[in-house]
């Protein structure tokens, strides 16, 4: 679960299934390559499911598995802590 992107991707997917392009737009600053790598890693660990719809044009959706949803419950308090301490965090990272 390391890295700066996984928590952001998981958070976005906690709102519901997203297509690749939707996910890329909702995680500002992530490159297409990095998003692909992160999604593959999270699929391998069982956090994210990838569903391919065989239609024209092709459609792929990513969603959280039950295992992924269990991790969200841990991320919520961490996110609240970050919001409460945002001033301090921004002051120390911009210095």
PDB file of N, CA and C in Angstrom:
ATOM      1  N   UNK A   1       0.832  -1.192   0.000  1.00  0.00           N
ATOM      2  CA  UNK A   1       0.000   0.000   0.000  1.00  0.00           C
ATOM      3  C   UNK A   1       0.865   1.240   0.000  1.00  0.00           C
ATOM      4  N   UNK A   2       2.103   1.111  -0.400  1.00  0.00           N
ATOM      5  CA  UNK A   2       2.992   2.255  -0.404  1.00  0.00           C
ATOM      6  C   UNK A   2       2.769   3.153  -1.613  1.00  0.00           C
ATOM      7  N   UNK A   3       3.390   4.314  -1.554  1.00  0.00           N
ATOM      8  CA  UNK A   3       3.320   5.250  -2.665  1.00  0.00           C
ATOM      9  C   UNK A   3       2.257   6.305  -2.449  1.00  0.00           C
ATOM     10  N   UNK A   4       2.380   7.352  -3.223  1.00  0.00           N
ATOM     11  CA  UNK A   4       1.471   8.481  -3.045  1.00  0.00           C
ATOM     12  C   UNK A   4       0.150   8.314  -3.782  1.00  0.00           C
ATOM     13  N   UNK A   5       0.080   7.426  -4.752  1.00  0.00           N
ATOM     14  CA  UNK A   5      -1.107   7.354  -5.602  1.00  0.00           C
ATOM     15  C   UNK A   5      -2.164   6.362  -5.134  1.00  0.00           C
ATOM     16  N   UNK A   6      -1.766   5.296  -4.504  1.00  0.00           N
ATOM     17  CA  UNK A   6      -2.724   4.228  -4.197  1.00  0.00           C
ATOM     18  C   UNK A   6      -3.887   4.711  -3.332  1.00  0.00           C
ATOM     19  N   UNK A   7      -3.587   5.476  -2.298  1.00  0.00           N
ATOM     20  CA  UNK A   7      -4.663   5.950  -1.424  1.00  0.00           C
ATOM     21  C   UNK A   7      -5.638   6.846  -2.194  1.00  0.00           C
ATOM     22  N   UNK A   8      -5.103   7.683  -3.079  1.00  0.00           N
ATOM     23  CA  UNK A   8      -5.973   8.572  -3.870  1.00  0.00           C
ATOM     24  C   UNK A   8      -6.854   7.770  -4.825  1.00  0.00           C
ATOM     25  N   UNK A   9      -6.276   6.758  -5.448  1.00  0.00           N
ATOM     26  CA  UNK A   9      -7.041   5.909  -6.375  1.00  0.00           C
ATOM     27  C   UNK A   9      -8.122   5.156  -5.609  1.00  0.00           C
ATOM     28  N   UNK A  10      -7.745   4.571  -4.475  1.00  0.00           N
ATOM     29  CA  UNK A  10      -8.724   3.839  -3.669  1.00  0.00           C
ATOM     30  C   UNK A  10      -9.853   4.746  -3.216  1.00  0.00           C
ATOM     31  N   UNK A  11      -9.504   5.963  -2.814  1.00  0.00           N
ATOM     32  CA  UNK A  11     -10.529   6.907  -2.364  1.00  0.00           C
ATOM     33  C   UNK A  11     -11.522   7.195  -3.487  1.00  0.00           C
ATOM     34  N   UNK A  12     -11.024   7.443  -4.681  1.00  0.00           N
ATOM     35  CA  UNK A  12     -11.913   7.714  -5.812  1.00  0.00           C
ATOM     36  C   UNK A  12     -12.797   6.506  -6.114  1.00  0.00           C
ATOM     37  N   UNK A  13     -12.241   5.319  -6.044  1.00  0.00           N
ATOM     38  CA  UNK A  13     -13.021   4.110  -6.328  1.00  0.00           C
ATOM     39  C   UNK A  13     -14.017   3.799  -5.214  1.00  0.00           C
ATOM     40  N   UNK A  14     -13.812   4.368  -4.033  1.00  0.00           N
ATOM     41  CA  UNK A  14     -14.766   4.132  -2.946  1.00  0.00           C
ATOM     42  C   UNK A  14     -16.112   4.783  -3.234  1.00  0.00           C
ATOM     43  N   UNK A  15     -16.123   5.742  -4.159  1.00  0.00           N
ATOM     44  CA  UNK A  15     -17.350   6.414  -4.545  1.00  0.00           C
ATOM     45  C   UNK A  15     -18.170   5.585  -5.535  1.00  0.00           C
ATOM     46  N   UNK A  16     -17.548   4.554  -6.116  1.00  0.00           N
ATOM     47  CA  UNK A  16     -18.229   3.692  -7.071  1.00  0.00           C
ATOM     48  C   UNK A  16     -17.309   3.345  -8.231  1.00  0.00           C
ATOM     49  N   UNK A  17     -17.721   2.406  -9.079  1.00  0.00           N
ATOM     50  CA  UNK A  17     -16.883   1.992 -10.211  1.00  0.00           C
ATOM     51  C   UNK A  17     -16.601   3.150 -11.167  1.00  0.00           C
ATOM     52  N   UNK A  18     -15.388   3.144 -11.715  1.00  0.00           N
ATOM     53  CA  UNK A  18     -14.998   4.183 -12.669  1.00  0.00           C
ATOM     54  C   UNK A  18     -14.285   3.562 -13.856  1.00  0.00           C
ATOM     55  N   UNK A  19     -14.471   4.181 -15.006  1.00  0.00           N
ATOM     56  CA  UNK A  19     -13.709   3.807 -16.191  1.00  0.00           C
ATOM     57  C   UNK A  19     -12.327   4.429 -16.070  1.00  0.00           C
ATOM     58  N   UNK A  20     -11.375   3.944 -16.861  1.00  0.00           N
ATOM     59  CA  UNK A  20      -9.996   4.397 -16.782  1.00  0.00           C
ATOM     60  C   UNK A  20      -9.893   5.916 -16.937  1.00  0.00           C
ATOM     61  N   UNK A  21     -10.533   6.469 -17.956  1.00  0.00           N
ATOM     62  CA  UNK A  21     -10.463   7.908 -18.209  1.00  0.00           C
ATOM     63  C   UNK A  21     -11.057   8.727 -17.079  1.00  0.00           C
ATOM     64  N   UNK A  22     -12.156   8.260 -16.514  1.00  0.00           N
ATOM     65  CA  UNK A  22     -12.778   8.949 -15.385  1.00  0.00           C
ATOM     66  C   UNK A  22     -11.840   8.952 -14.183  1.00  0.00           C
ATOM     67  N   UNK A  23     -11.207   7.814 -13.963  1.00  0.00           N
ATOM     68  CA  UNK A  23     -10.285   7.683 -12.846  1.00  0.00           C
ATOM     69  C   UNK A  23      -9.075   8.592 -13.033  1.00  0.00           C
ATOM     70  N   UNK A  24      -8.560   8.645 -14.251  1.00  0.00           N
ATOM     71  CA  UNK A  24      -7.402   9.495 -14.538  1.00  0.00           C
ATOM     72  C   UNK A  24      -7.745  10.968 -14.296  1.00  0.00           C
ATOM     73  N   UNK A  25      -8.932  11.392 -14.702  1.00  0.00           N
ATOM     74  CA  UNK A  25      -9.353  12.780 -14.496  1.00  0.00           C
ATOM     75  C   UNK A  25      -9.574  13.096 -13.016  1.00  0.00           C
ATOM     76  N   UNK A  26      -9.965  12.102 -12.252  1.00  0.00           N
ATOM     77  CA  UNK A  26     -10.271  12.356 -10.842  1.00  0.00           C
ATOM     78  C   UNK A  26      -9.044  12.297  -9.934  1.00  0.00           C
ATOM     79  N   UNK A  27      -7.904  11.874 -10.475  1.00  0.00           N
ATOM     80  CA  UNK A  27      -6.648  11.855  -9.708  1.00  0.00           C
ATOM     81  C   UNK A  27      -5.673  12.804 -10.397  1.00  0.00           C
ATOM     82  N   UNK A  28      -5.734  14.093 -10.048  1.00  0.00           N
ATOM     83  CA  UNK A  28      -4.902  15.086 -10.735  1.00  0.00           C
ATOM     84  C   UNK A  28      -3.413  14.802 -10.586  1.00  0.00           C
ATOM     85  N   UNK A  29      -2.694  14.967 -11.691  1.00  0.00           N
ATOM     86  CA  UNK A  29      -1.247  14.834 -11.667  1.00  0.00           C
ATOM     87  C   UNK A  29      -0.710  13.452 -11.956  1.00  0.00           C
ATOM     88  N   UNK A  30      -1.560  12.442 -11.972  1.00  0.00           N
ATOM     89  CA  UNK A  30      -1.076  11.085 -12.234  1.00  0.00           C
ATOM     90  C   UNK A  30      -0.954  10.869 -13.737  1.00  0.00           C
ATOM     91  N   UNK A  31       0.136  10.244 -14.149  1.00  0.00           N
ATOM     92  CA  UNK A  31       0.310   9.943 -15.570  1.00  0.00           C
ATOM     93  C   UNK A  31      -0.455   8.665 -15.908  1.00  0.00           C
ATOM     94  N   UNK A  32      -0.719   8.503 -17.176  1.00  0.00           N
ATOM     95  CA  UNK A  32      -1.429   7.300 -17.624  1.00  0.00           C
ATOM     96  C   UNK A  32      -0.642   6.044 -17.254  1.00  0.00           C
ATOM     97  N   UNK A  33       0.656   6.089 -17.486  1.00  0.00           N
ATOM     98  CA  UNK A  33       1.511   4.937 -17.169  1.00  0.00           C
ATOM     99  C   UNK A  33       1.484   4.592 -15.684  1.00  0.00           C
ATOM    100  N   UNK A  34       1.571   5.609 -14.838  1.00  0.00           N
ATOM    101  CA  UNK A  34       1.560   5.376 -13.392  1.00  0.00           C
ATOM    102  C   UNK A  34       0.210   4.828 -12.945  1.00  0.00           C
ATOM    103  N   UNK A  35      -0.873   5.339 -13.504  1.00  0.00           N
ATOM    104  CA  UNK A  35      -2.199   4.837 -13.149  1.00  0.00           C
ATOM    105  C   UNK A  35      -2.326   3.372 -13.531  1.00  0.00           C
ATOM    106  N   UNK A  36      -1.857   3.018 -14.705  1.00  0.00           N
ATOM    107  CA  UNK A  36      -1.897   1.616 -15.139  1.00  0.00           C
ATOM    108  C   UNK A  36      -1.107   0.738 -14.179  1.00  0.00           C
ATOM    109  N   UNK A  37       0.107   1.158 -13.831  1.00  0.00           N
ATOM    110  CA  UNK A  37       0.946   0.377 -12.922  1.00  0.00           C
ATOM    111  C   UNK A  37       0.292   0.211 -11.551  1.00  0.00           C
ATOM    112  N   UNK A  38      -0.251   1.297 -11.024  1.00  0.00           N
ATOM    113  CA  UNK A  38      -0.882   1.239  -9.701  1.00  0.00           C
ATOM    114  C   UNK A  38      -2.119   0.340  -9.719  1.00  0.00           C
ATOM    115  N   UNK A  39      -2.938   0.457 -10.760  1.00  0.00           N
ATOM    116  CA  UNK A  39      -4.132  -0.396 -10.862  1.00  0.00           C
ATOM    117  C   UNK A  39      -3.748  -1.871 -10.964  1.00  0.00           C
ATOM    118  N   UNK A  40      -2.718  -2.171 -11.737  1.00  0.00           N
ATOM    119  CA  UNK A  40      -2.275  -3.571 -11.862  1.00  0.00           C
ATOM    120  C   UNK A  40      -1.798  -4.121 -10.521  1.00  0.00           C
ATOM    121  N   UNK A  41      -1.023  -3.316  -9.785  1.00  0.00           N
ATOM    122  CA  UNK A  41      -0.550  -3.755  -8.468  1.00  0.00           C
ATOM    123  C   UNK A  41      -1.719  -4.015  -7.528  1.00  0.00           C
ATOM    124  N   UNK A  42      -2.703  -3.112  -7.542  1.00  0.00           N
ATOM    125  CA  UNK A  42      -3.846  -3.270  -6.645  1.00  0.00           C
ATOM    126  C   UNK A  42      -4.752  -4.422  -7.073  1.00  0.00           C
ATOM    127  N   UNK A  43      -4.770  -4.735  -8.368  1.00  0.00           N
ATOM    128  CA  UNK A  43      -5.497  -5.926  -8.828  1.00  0.00           C
ATOM    129  C   UNK A  43      -4.807  -7.179  -8.309  1.00  0.00           C
ATOM    130  N   UNK A  44      -3.490  -7.200  -8.405  1.00  0.00           N
ATOM    131  CA  UNK A  44      -2.707  -8.355  -7.960  1.00  0.00           C
ATOM    132  C   UNK A  44      -2.904  -8.617  -6.469  1.00  0.00           C
ATOM    133  N   UNK A  45      -2.982  -7.553  -5.676  1.00  0.00           N
ATOM    134  CA  UNK A  45      -3.161  -7.717  -4.229  1.00  0.00           C
ATOM    135  C   UNK A  45      -4.612  -7.904  -3.831  1.00  0.00           C
ATOM    136  N   UNK A  46      -5.523  -7.811  -4.788  1.00  0.00           N
ATOM    137  CA  UNK A  46      -6.932  -8.069  -4.505  1.00  0.00           C
ATOM    138  C   UNK A  46      -7.719  -6.879  -3.984  1.00  0.00           C
ATOM    139  N   UNK A  47      -7.170  -5.666  -4.117  1.00  0.00           N
ATOM    140  CA  UNK A  47      -7.874  -4.476  -3.662  1.00  0.00           C
ATOM    141  C   UNK A  47      -8.854  -3.951  -4.706  1.00  0.00           C
ATOM    142  N   UNK A  48      -8.503  -4.134  -5.975  1.00  0.00           N
ATOM    143  CA  UNK A  48      -9.278  -3.571  -7.089  1.00  0.00           C
ATOM    144  C   UNK A  48      -9.672  -4.673  -8.058  1.00  0.00           C
ATOM    145  N   UNK A  49     -10.898  -4.590  -8.555  1.00  0.00           N
ATOM    146  CA  UNK A  49     -11.379  -5.518  -9.583  1.00  0.00           C
ATOM    147  C   UNK A  49     -11.476  -4.775 -10.906  1.00  0.00           C
ATOM    148  N   UNK A  50     -11.167  -5.479 -11.973  1.00  0.00           N
ATOM    149  CA  UNK A  50     -11.250  -4.918 -13.325  1.00  0.00           C
ATOM    150  C   UNK A  50     -12.278  -5.729 -14.095  1.00  0.00           C
ATOM    151  N   UNK A  51     -13.302  -5.046 -14.583  1.00  0.00           N
ATOM    152  CA  UNK A  51     -14.343  -5.740 -15.343  1.00  0.00           C
ATOM    153  C   UNK A  51     -14.347  -5.225 -16.775  1.00  0.00           C
ATOM    154  N   UNK A  52     -14.225  -6.169 -17.706  1.00  0.00           N
ATOM    155  CA  UNK A  52     -14.222  -5.838 -19.131  1.00  0.00           C
ATOM    156  C   UNK A  52     -15.595  -6.158 -19.692  1.00  0.00           C
ATOM    157  N   UNK A  53     -16.199  -5.165 -20.331  1.00  0.00           N
ATOM    158  CA  UNK A  53     -17.485  -5.351 -21.002  1.00  0.00           C
ATOM    159  C   UNK A  53     -17.190  -5.506 -22.491  1.00  0.00           C
ATOM    160  N   UNK A  54     -17.597  -6.622 -23.037  1.00  0.00           N
ATOM    161  CA  UNK A  54     -17.338  -6.896 -24.453  1.00  0.00           C
ATOM    162  C   UNK A  54     -18.419  -6.230 -25.292  1.00  0.00           C
ATOM    163  N   UNK A  55     -18.121  -5.015 -25.691  1.00  0.00           N
ATOM    164  CA  UNK A  55     -19.038  -4.221 -26.505  1.00  0.00           C
ATOM    165  C   UNK A  55     -18.206  -3.317 -27.404  1.00  0.00           C
ATOM    166  N   UNK A  56     -18.859  -2.608 -28.271  1.00  0.00           N
ATOM    167  CA  UNK A  56     -18.172  -1.670 -29.150  1.00  0.00           C
ATOM    168  C   UNK A  56     -18.705  -0.282 -28.836  1.00  0.00           C
ATOM    169  N   UNK A  57     -17.851   0.653 -28.445  1.00  0.00           N
ATOM    170  CA  UNK A  57     -16.422   0.509 -28.159  1.00  0.00           C
ATOM    171  C   UNK A  57     -16.226  -0.260 -26.857  1.00  0.00           C
ATOM    172  N   UNK A  58     -15.021  -0.853 -26.685  1.00  0.00           N
ATOM    173  CA  UNK A  58     -14.752  -1.635 -25.477  1.00  0.00           C
ATOM    174  C   UNK A  58     -14.894  -0.769 -24.221  1.00  0.00           C
ATOM    175  N   UNK A  59     -15.340  -1.390 -23.149  1.00  0.00           N
ATOM    176  CA  UNK A  59     -15.530  -0.674 -21.894  1.00  0.00           C
ATOM    177  C   UNK A  59     -14.894  -1.478 -20.767  1.00  0.00           C
ATOM    178  N   UNK A  60     -14.104  -0.806 -19.941  1.00  0.00           N
ATOM    179  CA  UNK A  60     -13.469  -1.428 -18.781  1.00  0.00           C
ATOM    180  C   UNK A  60     -13.773  -0.565 -17.575  1.00  0.00           C
ATOM    181  N   UNK A  61     -14.217  -1.196 -16.492  1.00  0.00           N
ATOM    182  CA  UNK A  61     -14.482  -0.472 -15.249  1.00  0.00           C
ATOM    183  C   UNK A  61     -13.637  -1.052 -14.127  1.00  0.00           C
ATOM    184  N   UNK A  62     -13.213  -0.163 -13.248  1.00  0.00           N
ATOM    185  CA  UNK A  62     -12.463  -0.559 -12.067  1.00  0.00           C
ATOM    186  C   UNK A  62     -13.328  -0.289 -10.847  1.00  0.00           C
ATOM    187  N   UNK A  63     -13.278  -1.197  -9.890  1.00  0.00           N
ATOM    188  CA  UNK A  63     -14.054  -1.030  -8.661  1.00  0.00           C
ATOM    189  C   UNK A  63     -13.285  -1.651  -7.503  1.00  0.00           C
ATOM    190  N   UNK A  64     -13.696  -1.298  -6.299  1.00  0.00           N
ATOM    191  CA  UNK A  64     -13.077  -1.887  -5.120  1.00  0.00           C
ATOM    192  C   UNK A  64     -13.662  -3.264  -4.859  1.00  0.00           C
ATOM    193  N   UNK A  65     -12.833  -4.165  -4.424  1.00  0.00           N
ATOM    194  CA  UNK A  65     -13.297  -5.466  -3.952  1.00  0.00           C
ATOM    195  C   UNK A  65     -13.730  -5.291  -2.497  1.00  0.00           C
ATOM    196  N   UNK A  66     -14.258  -6.327  -1.887  1.00  0.00           N
ATOM    197  CA  UNK A  66     -14.592  -6.264  -0.459  1.00  0.00           C
ATOM    198  C   UNK A  66     -13.333  -5.982   0.354  1.00  0.00           C
ATOM    199  N   UNK A  67     -12.221  -6.583  -0.064  1.00  0.00           N
ATOM    200  CA  UNK A  67     -10.935  -6.353   0.597  1.00  0.00           C
ATOM    201  C   UNK A  67     -10.544  -4.878   0.480  1.00  0.00           C
ATOM    202  N   UNK A  68     -10.751  -4.290  -0.680  1.00  0.00           N
ATOM    203  CA  UNK A  68     -10.464  -2.878  -0.893  1.00  0.00           C
ATOM    204  C   UNK A  68     -11.341  -1.978  -0.039  1.00  0.00           C
ATOM    205  N   UNK A  69     -12.619  -2.334   0.068  1.00  0.00           N
ATOM    206  CA  UNK A  69     -13.530  -1.549   0.913  1.00  0.00           C
ATOM    207  C   UNK A  69     -13.098  -1.610   2.372  1.00  0.00           C
ATOM    208  N   UNK A  70     -12.555  -2.738   2.813  1.00  0.00           N
ATOM    209  CA  UNK A  70     -12.105  -2.843   4.206  1.00  0.00           C
ATOM    210  C   UNK A  70     -10.944  -1.889   4.471  1.00  0.00           C
ATOM    211  N   UNK A  71     -10.136  -1.607   3.458  1.00  0.00           N
ATOM    212  CA  UNK A  71      -9.019  -0.681   3.618  1.00  0.00           C
ATOM    213  C   UNK A  71      -9.506   0.765   3.697  1.00  0.00           C
ATOM    214  N   UNK A  72     -10.598   1.085   3.018  1.00  0.00           N
ATOM    215  CA  UNK A  72     -11.153   2.439   3.051  1.00  0.00           C
ATOM    216  C   UNK A  72     -11.498   2.831   4.491  1.00  0.00           C
ATOM    217  N   UNK A  73     -12.011   1.878   5.264  1.00  0.00           N
ATOM    218  CA  UNK A  73     -12.377   2.195   6.643  1.00  0.00           C
ATOM    219  C   UNK A  73     -11.160   2.634   7.464  1.00  0.00           C
ATOM    220  N   UNK A  74      -9.975   2.227   7.066  1.00  0.00           N
ATOM    221  CA  UNK A  74      -8.747   2.639   7.733  1.00  0.00           C
ATOM    222  C   UNK A  74      -8.279   3.992   7.198  1.00  0.00           C
ATOM    223  N   UNK A  75      -8.524   4.266   5.925  1.00  0.00           N
ATOM    224  CA  UNK A  75      -8.080   5.515   5.314  1.00  0.00           C
ATOM    225  C   UNK A  75      -8.898   6.729   5.763  1.00  0.00           C
ATOM    226  N   UNK A  76     -10.144   6.526   6.138  1.00  0.00           N
ATOM    227  CA  UNK A  76     -11.012   7.644   6.527  1.00  0.00           C
ATOM    228  C   UNK A  76     -10.429   8.421   7.709  1.00  0.00           C
ATOM    229  N   UNK A  77     -10.044   7.766   8.819  1.00  0.00           N
ATOM    230  CA  UNK A  77      -9.446   8.542   9.914  1.00  0.00           C
ATOM    231  C   UNK A  77      -8.140   9.231   9.508  1.00  0.00           C
ATOM    232  N   UNK A  78      -7.366   8.599   8.648  1.00  0.00           N
ATOM    233  CA  UNK A  78      -6.129   9.212   8.168  1.00  0.00           C
ATOM    234  C   UNK A  78      -6.433  10.478   7.370  1.00  0.00           C
ATOM    235  N   UNK A  79      -7.450  10.430   6.529  1.00  0.00           N
ATOM    236  CA  UNK A  79      -7.866  11.601   5.759  1.00  0.00           C
ATOM    237  C   UNK A  79      -8.354  12.725   6.661  1.00  0.00           C
ATOM    238  N   UNK A  80      -9.109  12.378   7.693  1.00  0.00           N
ATOM    239  CA  UNK A  80      -9.591  13.391   8.644  1.00  0.00           C
ATOM    240  C   UNK A  80      -8.415  14.038   9.367  1.00  0.00           C
ATOM    241  N   UNK A  81      -7.439  13.229   9.757  1.00  0.00           N
ATOM    242  CA  UNK A  81      -6.245  13.764  10.406  1.00  0.00           C
ATOM    243  C   UNK A  81      -5.541  14.751   9.476  1.00  0.00           C
ATOM    244  N   UNK A  82      -5.411  14.389   8.209  1.00  0.00           N
ATOM    245  CA  UNK A  82      -4.769  15.264   7.241  1.00  0.00           C
ATOM    246  C   UNK A  82      -5.498  16.586   7.084  1.00  0.00           C
ATOM    247  N   UNK A  83      -6.824  16.527   7.044  1.00  0.00           N
ATOM    248  CA  UNK A  83      -7.619  17.750   6.921  1.00  0.00           C
ATOM    249  C   UNK A  83      -7.448  18.646   8.153  1.00  0.00           C
ATOM    250  N   UNK A  84      -7.427  18.034   9.339  1.00  0.00           N
ATOM    251  CA  UNK A  84      -7.277  18.797  10.578  1.00  0.00           C
ATOM    252  C   UNK A  84      -5.902  19.465  10.685  1.00  0.00           C
ATOM    253  N   UNK A  85      -4.901  18.864  10.074  1.00  0.00           N
ATOM    254  CA  UNK A  85      -3.530  19.364  10.197  1.00  0.00           C
ATOM    255  C   UNK A  85      -2.985  19.939   8.887  1.00  0.00           C
ATOM    256  N   UNK A  86      -3.879  20.276   7.965  1.00  0.00           N
ATOM    257  CA  UNK A  86      -3.461  20.741   6.641  1.00  0.00           C
ATOM    258  C   UNK A  86      -2.560  21.971   6.717  1.00  0.00           C
ATOM    259  N   UNK A  87      -2.896  22.930   7.568  1.00  0.00           N
ATOM    260  CA  UNK A  87      -2.076  24.139   7.680  1.00  0.00           C
ATOM    261  C   UNK A  87      -0.639  23.795   8.037  1.00  0.00           C
ATOM    262  N   UNK A  88      -0.478  22.953   9.023  1.00  0.00           N
ATOM    263  CA  UNK A  88       0.862  22.554   9.460  1.00  0.00           C
ATOM    264  C   UNK A  88       1.593  21.778   8.360  1.00  0.00           C
ATOM    265  N   UNK A  89       0.884  20.876   7.712  1.00  0.00           N
ATOM    266  CA  UNK A  89       1.494  20.074   6.640  1.00  0.00           C
ATOM    267  C   UNK A  89       1.967  20.957   5.502  1.00  0.00           C
ATOM    268  N   UNK A  90       1.119  21.877   5.072  1.00  0.00           N
ATOM    269  CA  UNK A  90       1.481  22.783   3.969  1.00  0.00           C
ATOM    270  C   UNK A  90       2.638  23.694   4.358  1.00  0.00           C
ATOM    271  N   UNK A  91       2.655  24.161   5.610  1.00  0.00           N
ATOM    272  CA  UNK A  91       3.732  25.046   6.063  1.00  0.00           C
ATOM    273  C   UNK A  91       5.083  24.319   6.080  1.00  0.00           C
ATOM    274  N   UNK A  92       5.087  23.069   6.454  1.00  0.00           N
ATOM    275  CA  UNK A  92       6.356  22.343   6.541  1.00  0.00           C
ATOM    276  C   UNK A  92       6.831  21.832   5.184  1.00  0.00           C
ATOM    277  N   UNK A  93       5.919  21.568   4.253  1.00  0.00           N
ATOM    278  CA  UNK A  93       6.339  21.073   2.945  1.00  0.00           C
ATOM    279  C   UNK A  93       6.735  22.192   1.997  1.00  0.00           C
ATOM    280  N   UNK A  94       6.257  23.420   2.249  1.00  0.00           N
ATOM    281  CA  UNK A  94       6.605  24.527   1.344  1.00  0.00           C
ATOM    282  C   UNK A  94       7.856  25.262   1.816  1.00  0.00           C
ATOM    283  N   UNK A  95       8.324  24.950   2.989  1.00  0.00           N
ATOM    284  CA  UNK A  95       9.516  25.633   3.535  1.00  0.00           C
ATOM    285  C   UNK A  95      10.799  25.071   2.975  1.00  0.00           C
TER     286      UNK A  95
END
